[in-house]
Amino acid sequence: HPSTQLLVRNIEHITGTVLLVSPPELAAVAAVVSTSGGKNVWTHTTDYGIYTEALSEKYQVSFGTHFVGKQKFTQIVVFLPKSDAEIEMTLHWVSEKLESNS
């Protein structure tokens, strides 16, 4: 997938505690997990197929309309959906999960 290729080409910039939001395929998750060791990588998806694949690989993954965990992340990678309303909703809840630099 083109989004995964872009992520892989820039993987050295993905550091810290990371949340991947709506990755288009499990390969995107696998790339970040293999680079970081996987301890600080969470994935959130609305795609049940990706969710079950990630579970079978024992990745830290959640499923639903938004991430409900209390964790905060130093980086969040959002794979934007096509729907404007869904983009707005995703960016709203994602902003609450980003650690502040204060």
PDB file of N, CA and C in Angstrom:
ATOM      1  N   HIS A   1       0.840  -1.179   0.000  1.00  0.00           N
ATOM      2  CA  HIS A   1       0.000   0.000   0.000  1.00  0.00           C
ATOM      3  C   HIS A   1       0.889   1.248   0.000  1.00  0.00           C
ATOM      4  N   PRO A   2       0.555   2.272  -0.768  1.00  0.00           N
ATOM      5  CA  PRO A   2       1.395   3.479  -0.841  1.00  0.00           C
ATOM      6  C   PRO A   2       1.639   4.151   0.511  1.00  0.00           C
ATOM      7  N   SER A   3       0.649   4.147   1.399  1.00  0.00           N
ATOM      8  CA  SER A   3       0.836   4.752   2.721  1.00  0.00           C
ATOM      9  C   SER A   3       1.865   3.989   3.540  1.00  0.00           C
ATOM     10  N   THR A   4       1.859   2.679   3.422  1.00  0.00           N
ATOM     11  CA  THR A   4       2.844   1.859   4.124  1.00  0.00           C
ATOM     12  C   THR A   4       4.234   2.125   3.573  1.00  0.00           C
ATOM     13  N   GLN A   5       4.348   2.257   2.258  1.00  0.00           N
ATOM     14  CA  GLN A   5       5.647   2.545   1.643  1.00  0.00           C
ATOM     15  C   GLN A   5       6.195   3.880   2.135  1.00  0.00           C
ATOM     16  N   LEU A   6       5.339   4.878   2.238  1.00  0.00           N
ATOM     17  CA  LEU A   6       5.750   6.183   2.747  1.00  0.00           C
ATOM     18  C   LEU A   6       6.223   6.082   4.196  1.00  0.00           C
ATOM     19  N   LEU A   7       5.498   5.330   4.999  1.00  0.00           N
ATOM     20  CA  LEU A   7       5.875   5.125   6.394  1.00  0.00           C
ATOM     21  C   LEU A   7       7.236   4.443   6.483  1.00  0.00           C
ATOM     22  N   VAL A   8       7.453   3.410   5.706  1.00  0.00           N
ATOM     23  CA  VAL A   8       8.711   2.662   5.741  1.00  0.00           C
ATOM     24  C   VAL A   8       9.882   3.553   5.318  1.00  0.00           C
ATOM     25  N   ARG A   9       9.673   4.403   4.315  1.00  0.00           N
ATOM     26  CA  ARG A   9      10.745   5.302   3.864  1.00  0.00           C
ATOM     27  C   ARG A   9      11.124   6.325   4.929  1.00  0.00           C
ATOM     28  N   ASN A  10      10.246   6.572   5.876  1.00  0.00           N
ATOM     29  CA  ASN A  10      10.496   7.567   6.923  1.00  0.00           C
ATOM     30  C   ASN A  10      10.529   6.954   8.321  1.00  0.00           C
ATOM     31  N   ILE A  11      10.779   5.677   8.399  1.00  0.00           N
ATOM     32  CA  ILE A  11      10.675   4.936   9.657  1.00  0.00           C
ATOM     33  C   ILE A  11      11.635   5.457  10.735  1.00  0.00           C
ATOM     34  N   GLU A  12      12.755   6.026  10.330  1.00  0.00           N
ATOM     35  CA  GLU A  12      13.727   6.511  11.320  1.00  0.00           C
ATOM     36  C   GLU A  12      13.181   7.683  12.147  1.00  0.00           C
ATOM     37  N   HIS A  13      12.126   8.318  11.676  1.00  0.00           N
ATOM     38  CA  HIS A  13      11.501   9.424  12.395  1.00  0.00           C
ATOM     39  C   HIS A  13      10.433   8.965  13.399  1.00  0.00           C
ATOM     40  N   ILE A  14      10.117   7.693  13.377  1.00  0.00           N
ATOM     41  CA  ILE A  14       9.093   7.141  14.269  1.00  0.00           C
ATOM     42  C   ILE A  14       9.797   6.628  15.523  1.00  0.00           C
ATOM     43  N   THR A  15       9.674   7.395  16.609  1.00  0.00           N
ATOM     44  CA  THR A  15      10.358   7.035  17.849  1.00  0.00           C
ATOM     45  C   THR A  15       9.442   7.299  19.042  1.00  0.00           C
ATOM     46  N   GLY A  16       9.862   6.848  20.195  1.00  0.00           N
ATOM     47  CA  GLY A  16       9.094   7.096  21.411  1.00  0.00           C
ATOM     48  C   GLY A  16       7.894   6.174  21.514  1.00  0.00           C
ATOM     49  N   THR A  17       6.904   6.632  22.228  1.00  0.00           N
ATOM     50  CA  THR A  17       5.665   5.896  22.395  1.00  0.00           C
ATOM     51  C   THR A  17       4.743   6.290  21.251  1.00  0.00           C
ATOM     52  N   VAL A  18       4.377   5.321  20.416  1.00  0.00           N
ATOM     53  CA  VAL A  18       3.712   5.595  19.144  1.00  0.00           C
ATOM     54  C   VAL A  18       2.324   4.971  19.095  1.00  0.00           C
ATOM     55  N   LEU A  19       1.382   5.725  18.549  1.00  0.00           N
ATOM     56  CA  LEU A  19       0.048   5.206  18.249  1.00  0.00           C
ATOM     57  C   LEU A  19      -0.150   5.287  16.748  1.00  0.00           C
ATOM     58  N   LEU A  20      -0.440   4.153  16.130  1.00  0.00           N
ATOM     59  CA  LEU A  20      -0.787   4.105  14.710  1.00  0.00           C
ATOM     60  C   LEU A  20      -2.304   4.052  14.618  1.00  0.00           C
ATOM     61  N   VAL A  21      -2.892   5.002  13.909  1.00  0.00           N
ATOM     62  CA  VAL A  21      -4.345   5.095  13.817  1.00  0.00           C
ATOM     63  C   VAL A  21      -4.793   4.733  12.407  1.00  0.00           C
ATOM     64  N   SER A  22      -5.610   3.709  12.303  1.00  0.00           N
ATOM     65  CA  SER A  22      -6.214   3.246  11.050  1.00  0.00           C
ATOM     66  C   SER A  22      -5.204   2.902   9.960  1.00  0.00           C
ATOM     67  N   PRO A  23      -4.195   2.071  10.282  1.00  0.00           N
ATOM     68  CA  PRO A  23      -3.261   1.673   9.232  1.00  0.00           C
ATOM     69  C   PRO A  23      -3.998   0.889   8.149  1.00  0.00           C
ATOM     70  N   PRO A  24      -3.591   1.044   6.883  1.00  0.00           N
ATOM     71  CA  PRO A  24      -4.303   0.392   5.783  1.00  0.00           C
ATOM     72  C   PRO A  24      -4.056  -1.111   5.692  1.00  0.00           C
ATOM     73  N   GLU A  25      -2.974  -1.550   6.340  1.00  0.00           N
ATOM     74  CA  GLU A  25      -2.628  -2.975   6.303  1.00  0.00           C
ATOM     75  C   GLU A  25      -1.713  -3.296   7.475  1.00  0.00           C
ATOM     76  N   LEU A  26      -1.612  -4.554   7.822  1.00  0.00           N
ATOM     77  CA  LEU A  26      -0.799  -4.975   8.948  1.00  0.00           C
ATOM     78  C   LEU A  26       0.686  -4.737   8.699  1.00  0.00           C
ATOM     79  N   ALA A  27       1.109  -4.658   7.451  1.00  0.00           N
ATOM     80  CA  ALA A  27       2.520  -4.413   7.129  1.00  0.00           C
ATOM     81  C   ALA A  27       3.003  -3.088   7.704  1.00  0.00           C
ATOM     82  N   ALA A  28       2.136  -2.098   7.783  1.00  0.00           N
ATOM     83  CA  ALA A  28       2.512  -0.808   8.372  1.00  0.00           C
ATOM     84  C   ALA A  28       2.834  -0.985   9.849  1.00  0.00           C
ATOM     85  N   VAL A  29       2.018  -1.731  10.539  1.00  0.00           N
ATOM     86  CA  VAL A  29       2.233  -1.998  11.961  1.00  0.00           C
ATOM     87  C   VAL A  29       3.516  -2.800  12.141  1.00  0.00           C
ATOM     88  N   ALA A  30       3.679  -3.827  11.341  1.00  0.00           N
ATOM     89  CA  ALA A  30       4.857  -4.692  11.441  1.00  0.00           C
ATOM     90  C   ALA A  30       6.145  -3.904  11.240  1.00  0.00           C
ATOM     91  N   ALA A  31       6.142  -2.946  10.321  1.00  0.00           N
ATOM     92  CA  ALA A  31       7.339  -2.140  10.062  1.00  0.00           C
ATOM     93  C   ALA A  31       7.728  -1.333  11.287  1.00  0.00           C
ATOM     94  N   VAL A  32       6.756  -0.695  11.924  1.00  0.00           N
ATOM     95  CA  VAL A  32       7.050   0.124  13.105  1.00  0.00           C
ATOM     96  C   VAL A  32       7.433  -0.754  14.282  1.00  0.00           C
ATOM     97  N   VAL A  33       6.730  -1.849  14.474  1.00  0.00           N
ATOM     98  CA  VAL A  33       7.036  -2.763  15.577  1.00  0.00           C
ATOM     99  C   VAL A  33       8.439  -3.338  15.421  1.00  0.00           C
ATOM    100  N   SER A  34       8.827  -3.738  14.216  1.00  0.00           N
ATOM    101  CA  SER A  34      10.148  -4.343  14.023  1.00  0.00           C
ATOM    102  C   SER A  34      11.261  -3.328  14.243  1.00  0.00           C
ATOM    103  N   THR A  35      11.018  -2.068  13.955  1.00  0.00           N
ATOM    104  CA  THR A  35      12.022  -1.030  14.155  1.00  0.00           C
ATOM    105  C   THR A  35      12.168  -0.669  15.621  1.00  0.00           C
ATOM    106  N   SER A  36      11.070  -0.661  16.345  1.00  0.00           N
ATOM    107  CA  SER A  36      11.085  -0.183  17.730  1.00  0.00           C
ATOM    108  C   SER A  36      11.153  -1.302  18.760  1.00  0.00           C
ATOM    109  N   GLY A  37      11.009  -2.512  18.339  1.00  0.00           N
ATOM    110  CA  GLY A  37      10.937  -3.619  19.282  1.00  0.00           C
ATOM    111  C   GLY A  37       9.519  -3.890  19.755  1.00  0.00           C
ATOM    112  N   GLY A  38       8.606  -2.986  19.414  1.00  0.00           N
ATOM    113  CA  GLY A  38       7.187  -3.209  19.667  1.00  0.00           C
ATOM    114  C   GLY A  38       6.661  -2.842  21.034  1.00  0.00           C
ATOM    115  N   LYS A  39       7.545  -2.561  21.984  1.00  0.00           N
ATOM    116  CA  LYS A  39       7.077  -2.307  23.349  1.00  0.00           C
ATOM    117  C   LYS A  39       6.261  -1.032  23.462  1.00  0.00           C
ATOM    118  N   ASN A  40       6.604  -0.048  22.689  1.00  0.00           N
ATOM    119  CA  ASN A  40       5.965   1.261  22.806  1.00  0.00           C
ATOM    120  C   ASN A  40       5.076   1.592  21.614  1.00  0.00           C
ATOM    121  N   VAL A  41       4.576   0.572  20.948  1.00  0.00           N
ATOM    122  CA  VAL A  41       3.749   0.785  19.753  1.00  0.00           C
ATOM    123  C   VAL A  41       2.346   0.231  19.992  1.00  0.00           C
ATOM    124  N   TRP A  42       1.368   1.111  19.830  1.00  0.00           N
ATOM    125  CA  TRP A  42      -0.035   0.714  19.897  1.00  0.00           C
ATOM    126  C   TRP A  42      -0.653   0.963  18.531  1.00  0.00           C
ATOM    127  N   THR A  43      -1.652   0.185  18.201  1.00  0.00           N
ATOM    128  CA  THR A  43      -2.406   0.379  16.972  1.00  0.00           C
ATOM    129  C   THR A  43      -3.874   0.499  17.335  1.00  0.00           C
ATOM    130  N   HIS A  44      -4.546   1.441  16.689  1.00  0.00           N
ATOM    131  CA  HIS A  44      -5.990   1.548  16.839  1.00  0.00           C
ATOM    132  C   HIS A  44      -6.596   1.490  15.442  1.00  0.00           C
ATOM    133  N   THR A  45      -7.629   0.681  15.289  1.00  0.00           N
ATOM    134  CA  THR A  45      -8.242   0.517  13.979  1.00  0.00           C
ATOM    135  C   THR A  45      -9.757   0.366  14.080  1.00  0.00           C
ATOM    136  N   THR A  46     -10.409   0.718  13.011  1.00  0.00           N
ATOM    137  CA  THR A  46     -11.846   0.463  12.875  1.00  0.00           C
ATOM    138  C   THR A  46     -12.082  -0.698  11.918  1.00  0.00           C
ATOM    139  N   ASP A  47     -10.995  -1.295  11.431  1.00  0.00           N
ATOM    140  CA  ASP A  47     -11.060  -2.417  10.493  1.00  0.00           C
ATOM    141  C   ASP A  47     -10.903  -3.719  11.280  1.00  0.00           C
ATOM    142  N   TYR A  48     -11.980  -4.491  11.346  1.00  0.00           N
ATOM    143  CA  TYR A  48     -11.961  -5.706  12.159  1.00  0.00           C
ATOM    144  C   TYR A  48     -10.941  -6.725  11.647  1.00  0.00           C
ATOM    145  N   GLY A  49     -10.734  -6.783  10.352  1.00  0.00           N
ATOM    146  CA  GLY A  49      -9.748  -7.709   9.790  1.00  0.00           C
ATOM    147  C   GLY A  49      -8.339  -7.386  10.276  1.00  0.00           C
ATOM    148  N   ILE A  50      -7.969  -6.113  10.232  1.00  0.00           N
ATOM    149  CA  ILE A  50      -6.650  -5.708  10.719  1.00  0.00           C
ATOM    150  C   ILE A  50      -6.550  -5.943  12.225  1.00  0.00           C
ATOM    151  N   TYR A  51      -7.625  -5.665  12.933  1.00  0.00           N
ATOM    152  CA  TYR A  51      -7.652  -5.895  14.377  1.00  0.00           C
ATOM    153  C   TYR A  51      -7.351  -7.363  14.708  1.00  0.00           C
ATOM    154  N   THR A  52      -8.029  -8.292  14.062  1.00  0.00           N
ATOM    155  CA  THR A  52      -7.813  -9.707  14.373  1.00  0.00           C
ATOM    156  C   THR A  52      -6.423 -10.167  13.940  1.00  0.00           C
ATOM    157  N   GLU A  53      -5.921  -9.658  12.811  1.00  0.00           N
ATOM    158  CA  GLU A  53      -4.556  -9.987  12.382  1.00  0.00           C
ATOM    159  C   GLU A  53      -3.542  -9.493  13.409  1.00  0.00           C
ATOM    160  N   ALA A  54      -3.713  -8.254  13.881  1.00  0.00           N
ATOM    161  CA  ALA A  54      -2.796  -7.682  14.869  1.00  0.00           C
ATOM    162  C   ALA A  54      -2.843  -8.475  16.176  1.00  0.00           C
ATOM    163  N   LEU A  55      -4.019  -8.888  16.585  1.00  0.00           N
ATOM    164  CA  LEU A  55      -4.139  -9.723  17.788  1.00  0.00           C
ATOM    165  C   LEU A  55      -3.395 -11.043  17.619  1.00  0.00           C
ATOM    166  N   SER A  56      -3.528 -11.644  16.457  1.00  0.00           N
ATOM    167  CA  SER A  56      -2.866 -12.930  16.230  1.00  0.00           C
ATOM    168  C   SER A  56      -1.340 -12.785  16.230  1.00  0.00           C
ATOM    169  N   GLU A  57      -0.850 -11.594  15.889  1.00  0.00           N
ATOM    170  CA  GLU A  57       0.592 -11.328  15.930  1.00  0.00           C
ATOM    171  C   GLU A  57       1.032 -10.837  17.312  1.00  0.00           C
ATOM    172  N   LYS A  58       0.070 -10.744  18.233  1.00  0.00           N
ATOM    173  CA  LYS A  58       0.297 -10.296  19.610  1.00  0.00           C
ATOM    174  C   LYS A  58       0.752  -8.834  19.694  1.00  0.00           C
ATOM    175  N   TYR A  59       0.279  -8.012  18.764  1.00  0.00           N
ATOM    176  CA  TYR A  59       0.538  -6.574  18.809  1.00  0.00           C
ATOM    177  C   TYR A  59      -0.438  -5.936  19.792  1.00  0.00           C
ATOM    178  N   GLN A  60      -0.067  -4.784  20.323  1.00  0.00           N
ATOM    179  CA  GLN A  60      -0.960  -4.021  21.191  1.00  0.00           C
ATOM    180  C   GLN A  60      -1.926  -3.283  20.276  1.00  0.00           C
ATOM    181  N   VAL A  61      -3.189  -3.670  20.318  1.00  0.00           N
ATOM    182  CA  VAL A  61      -4.163  -3.150  19.360  1.00  0.00           C
ATOM    183  C   VAL A  61      -5.507  -2.930  20.044  1.00  0.00           C
ATOM    184  N   SER A  62      -6.214  -1.916  19.568  1.00  0.00           N
ATOM    185  CA  SER A  62      -7.578  -1.678  20.030  1.00  0.00           C
ATOM    186  C   SER A  62      -8.469  -1.489  18.810  1.00  0.00           C
ATOM    187  N   PHE A  63      -9.757  -1.678  19.035  1.00  0.00           N
ATOM    188  CA  PHE A  63     -10.738  -1.637  17.955  1.00  0.00           C
ATOM    189  C   PHE A  63     -11.927  -0.804  18.395  1.00  0.00           C
ATOM    190  N   GLY A  64     -12.421   0.046  17.521  1.00  0.00           N
ATOM    191  CA  GLY A  64     -13.607   0.837  17.821  1.00  0.00           C
ATOM    192  C   GLY A  64     -13.550   2.193  17.134  1.00  0.00           C
ATOM    193  N   THR A  65     -14.477   3.062  17.512  1.00  0.00           N
ATOM    194  CA  THR A  65     -14.528   4.374  16.878  1.00  0.00           C
ATOM    195  C   THR A  65     -13.420   5.299  17.360  1.00  0.00           C
ATOM    196  N   HIS A  66     -12.914   5.052  18.601  1.00  0.00           N
ATOM    197  CA  HIS A  66     -11.819   5.857  19.115  1.00  0.00           C
ATOM    198  C   HIS A  66     -11.054   5.072  20.176  1.00  0.00           C
ATOM    199  N   PHE A  67      -9.828   5.485  20.426  1.00  0.00           N
ATOM    200  CA  PHE A  67      -8.962   4.821  21.396  1.00  0.00           C
ATOM    201  C   PHE A  67      -9.407   5.210  22.798  1.00  0.00           C
ATOM    202  N   VAL A  68      -9.727   4.237  23.623  1.00  0.00           N
ATOM    203  CA  VAL A  68     -10.258   4.531  24.955  1.00  0.00           C
ATOM    204  C   VAL A  68      -9.218   4.382  26.068  1.00  0.00           C
ATOM    205  N   GLY A  69      -8.019   3.926  25.725  1.00  0.00           N
ATOM    206  CA  GLY A  69      -6.980   3.779  26.737  1.00  0.00           C
ATOM    207  C   GLY A  69      -6.569   5.124  27.313  1.00  0.00           C
ATOM    208  N   LYS A  70      -5.985   5.088  28.496  1.00  0.00           N
ATOM    209  CA  LYS A  70      -5.561   6.314  29.166  1.00  0.00           C
ATOM    210  C   LYS A  70      -4.145   6.731  28.750  1.00  0.00           C
ATOM    211  N   GLN A  71      -3.458   5.902  27.960  1.00  0.00           N
ATOM    212  CA  GLN A  71      -2.099   6.206  27.561  1.00  0.00           C
ATOM    213  C   GLN A  71      -2.018   7.518  26.785  1.00  0.00           C
ATOM    214  N   LYS A  72      -0.844   8.145  26.902  1.00  0.00           N
ATOM    215  CA  LYS A  72      -0.502   9.302  26.081  1.00  0.00           C
ATOM    216  C   LYS A  72       0.679   8.877  25.209  1.00  0.00           C
ATOM    217  N   PHE A  73       0.805   9.487  24.061  1.00  0.00           N
ATOM    218  CA  PHE A  73       1.816   9.086  23.089  1.00  0.00           C
ATOM    219  C   PHE A  73       2.692  10.264  22.690  1.00  0.00           C
ATOM    220  N   THR A  74       3.974   9.988  22.449  1.00  0.00           N
ATOM    221  CA  THR A  74       4.873  11.044  21.982  1.00  0.00           C
ATOM    222  C   THR A  74       4.685  11.291  20.493  1.00  0.00           C
ATOM    223  N   GLN A  75       4.268  10.270  19.770  1.00  0.00           N
ATOM    224  CA  GLN A  75       3.984  10.408  18.342  1.00  0.00           C
ATOM    225  C   GLN A  75       2.723   9.637  17.989  1.00  0.00           C
ATOM    226  N   ILE A  76       1.945  10.230  17.101  1.00  0.00           N
ATOM    227  CA  ILE A  76       0.754   9.555  16.582  1.00  0.00           C
ATOM    228  C   ILE A  76       0.789   9.659  15.069  1.00  0.00           C
ATOM    229  N   VAL A  77       0.702   8.509  14.413  1.00  0.00           N
ATOM    230  CA  VAL A  77       0.664   8.456  12.957  1.00  0.00           C
ATOM    231  C   VAL A  77      -0.768   8.138  12.564  1.00  0.00           C
ATOM    232  N   VAL A  78      -1.399   9.075  11.862  1.00  0.00           N
ATOM    233  CA  VAL A  78      -2.795   8.910  11.468  1.00  0.00           C
ATOM    234  C   VAL A  78      -2.854   8.663   9.958  1.00  0.00           C
ATOM    235  N   PHE A  79      -3.420   7.542   9.591  1.00  0.00           N
ATOM    236  CA  PHE A  79      -3.708   7.251   8.189  1.00  0.00           C
ATOM    237  C   PHE A  79      -5.117   7.781   7.957  1.00  0.00           C
ATOM    238  N   LEU A  80      -5.208   8.897   7.252  1.00  0.00           N
ATOM    239  CA  LEU A  80      -6.487   9.602   7.145  1.00  0.00           C
ATOM    240  C   LEU A  80      -7.526   8.837   6.331  1.00  0.00           C
ATOM    241  N   PRO A  81      -8.743   8.800   6.845  1.00  0.00           N
ATOM    242  CA  PRO A  81      -9.853   8.189   6.093  1.00  0.00           C
ATOM    243  C   PRO A  81     -10.302   9.138   4.982  1.00  0.00           C
ATOM    244  N   LYS A  82     -11.163   8.674   4.119  1.00  0.00           N
ATOM    245  CA  LYS A  82     -11.654   9.493   3.005  1.00  0.00           C
ATOM    246  C   LYS A  82     -12.763  10.449   3.414  1.00  0.00           C
ATOM    247  N   SER A  83     -13.524  10.094   4.395  1.00  0.00           N
ATOM    248  CA  SER A  83     -14.667  10.891   4.820  1.00  0.00           C
ATOM    249  C   SER A  83     -14.221  12.096   5.650  1.00  0.00           C
ATOM    250  N   ASP A  84     -14.683  13.287   5.275  1.00  0.00           N
ATOM    251  CA  ASP A  84     -14.348  14.497   6.029  1.00  0.00           C
ATOM    252  C   ASP A  84     -14.838  14.416   7.470  1.00  0.00           C
ATOM    253  N   ALA A  85     -16.022  13.891   7.665  1.00  0.00           N
ATOM    254  CA  ALA A  85     -16.567  13.771   9.025  1.00  0.00           C
ATOM    255  C   ALA A  85     -15.719  12.818   9.867  1.00  0.00           C
ATOM    256  N   GLU A  86     -15.272  11.732   9.268  1.00  0.00           N
ATOM    257  CA  GLU A  86     -14.437  10.770   9.992  1.00  0.00           C
ATOM    258  C   GLU A  86     -13.061  11.361  10.289  1.00  0.00           C
ATOM    259  N   ILE A  87     -12.518  12.156   9.375  1.00  0.00           N
ATOM    260  CA  ILE A  87     -11.242  12.839   9.626  1.00  0.00           C
ATOM    261  C   ILE A  87     -11.387  13.765  10.824  1.00  0.00           C
ATOM    262  N   GLU A  88     -12.448  14.550  10.839  1.00  0.00           N
ATOM    263  CA  GLU A  88     -12.678  15.485  11.937  1.00  0.00           C
ATOM    264  C   GLU A  88     -12.804  14.748  13.275  1.00  0.00           C
ATOM    265  N   MET A  89     -13.567  13.667  13.297  1.00  0.00           N
ATOM    266  CA  MET A  89     -13.739  12.895  14.514  1.00  0.00           C
ATOM    267  C   MET A  89     -12.405  12.294  14.974  1.00  0.00           C
ATOM    268  N   THR A  90     -11.654  11.730  14.043  1.00  0.00           N
ATOM    269  CA  THR A  90     -10.378  11.100  14.376  1.00  0.00           C
ATOM    270  C   THR A  90      -9.386  12.118  14.930  1.00  0.00           C
ATOM    271  N   LEU A  91      -9.257  13.254  14.267  1.00  0.00           N
ATOM    272  CA  LEU A  91      -8.309  14.267  14.737  1.00  0.00           C
ATOM    273  C   LEU A  91      -8.716  14.828  16.097  1.00  0.00           C
ATOM    274  N   HIS A  92     -10.009  14.866  16.360  1.00  0.00           N
ATOM    275  CA  HIS A  92     -10.472  15.345  17.662  1.00  0.00           C
ATOM    276  C   HIS A  92     -10.000  14.427  18.782  1.00  0.00           C
ATOM    277  N   TRP A  93     -10.272  13.134  18.677  1.00  0.00           N
ATOM    278  CA  TRP A  93      -9.886  12.250  19.774  1.00  0.00           C
ATOM    279  C   TRP A  93      -8.385  12.008  19.819  1.00  0.00           C
ATOM    280  N   VAL A  94      -7.721  12.048  18.665  1.00  0.00           N
ATOM    281  CA  VAL A  94      -6.275  11.854  18.629  1.00  0.00           C
ATOM    282  C   VAL A  94      -5.560  12.974  19.381  1.00  0.00           C
ATOM    283  N   SER A  95      -6.047  14.194  19.240  1.00  0.00           N
ATOM    284  CA  SER A  95      -5.385  15.334  19.896  1.00  0.00           C
ATOM    285  C   SER A  95      -5.348  15.177  21.411  1.00  0.00           C
ATOM    286  N   GLU A  96      -6.293  14.461  21.962  1.00  0.00           N
ATOM    287  CA  GLU A  96      -6.329  14.235  23.404  1.00  0.00           C
ATOM    288  C   GLU A  96      -5.333  13.173  23.868  1.00  0.00           C
ATOM    289  N   LYS A  97      -4.796  12.417  22.930  1.00  0.00           N
ATOM    290  CA  LYS A  97      -3.876  11.309  23.266  1.00  0.00           C
ATOM    291  C   LYS A  97      -2.412  11.683  23.090  1.00  0.00           C
ATOM    292  N   LEU A  98      -2.140  12.877  22.617  1.00  0.00           N
ATOM    293  CA  LEU A  98      -0.774  13.309  22.374  1.00  0.00           C
ATOM    294  C   LEU A  98      -0.201  13.967  23.624  1.00  0.00           C
ATOM    295  N   GLU A  99       1.012  13.526  24.019  1.00  0.00           N
ATOM    296  CA  GLU A  99       1.666  14.140  25.175  1.00  0.00           C
ATOM    297  C   GLU A  99       2.004  15.586  24.851  1.00  0.00           C
ATOM    298  N   SER A 100       1.858  16.434  25.834  1.00  0.00           N
ATOM    299  CA  SER A 100       2.255  17.825  25.637  1.00  0.00           C
ATOM    300  C   SER A 100       3.733  17.981  25.985  1.00  0.00           C
ATOM    301  N   ASN A 101       4.362  18.979  25.416  1.00  0.00           N
ATOM    302  CA  ASN A 101       5.781  19.233  25.675  1.00  0.00           C
ATOM    303  C   ASN A 101       6.006  20.215  26.801  1.00  0.00           C
ATOM    304  N   SER A 102       4.976  20.504  27.586  1.00  0.00           N
ATOM    305  CA  SER A 102       5.132  21.501  28.648  1.00  0.00           C
ATOM    306  C   SER A 102       5.732  20.933  29.897  1.00  0.00           C
TER     307      SER A 102
END
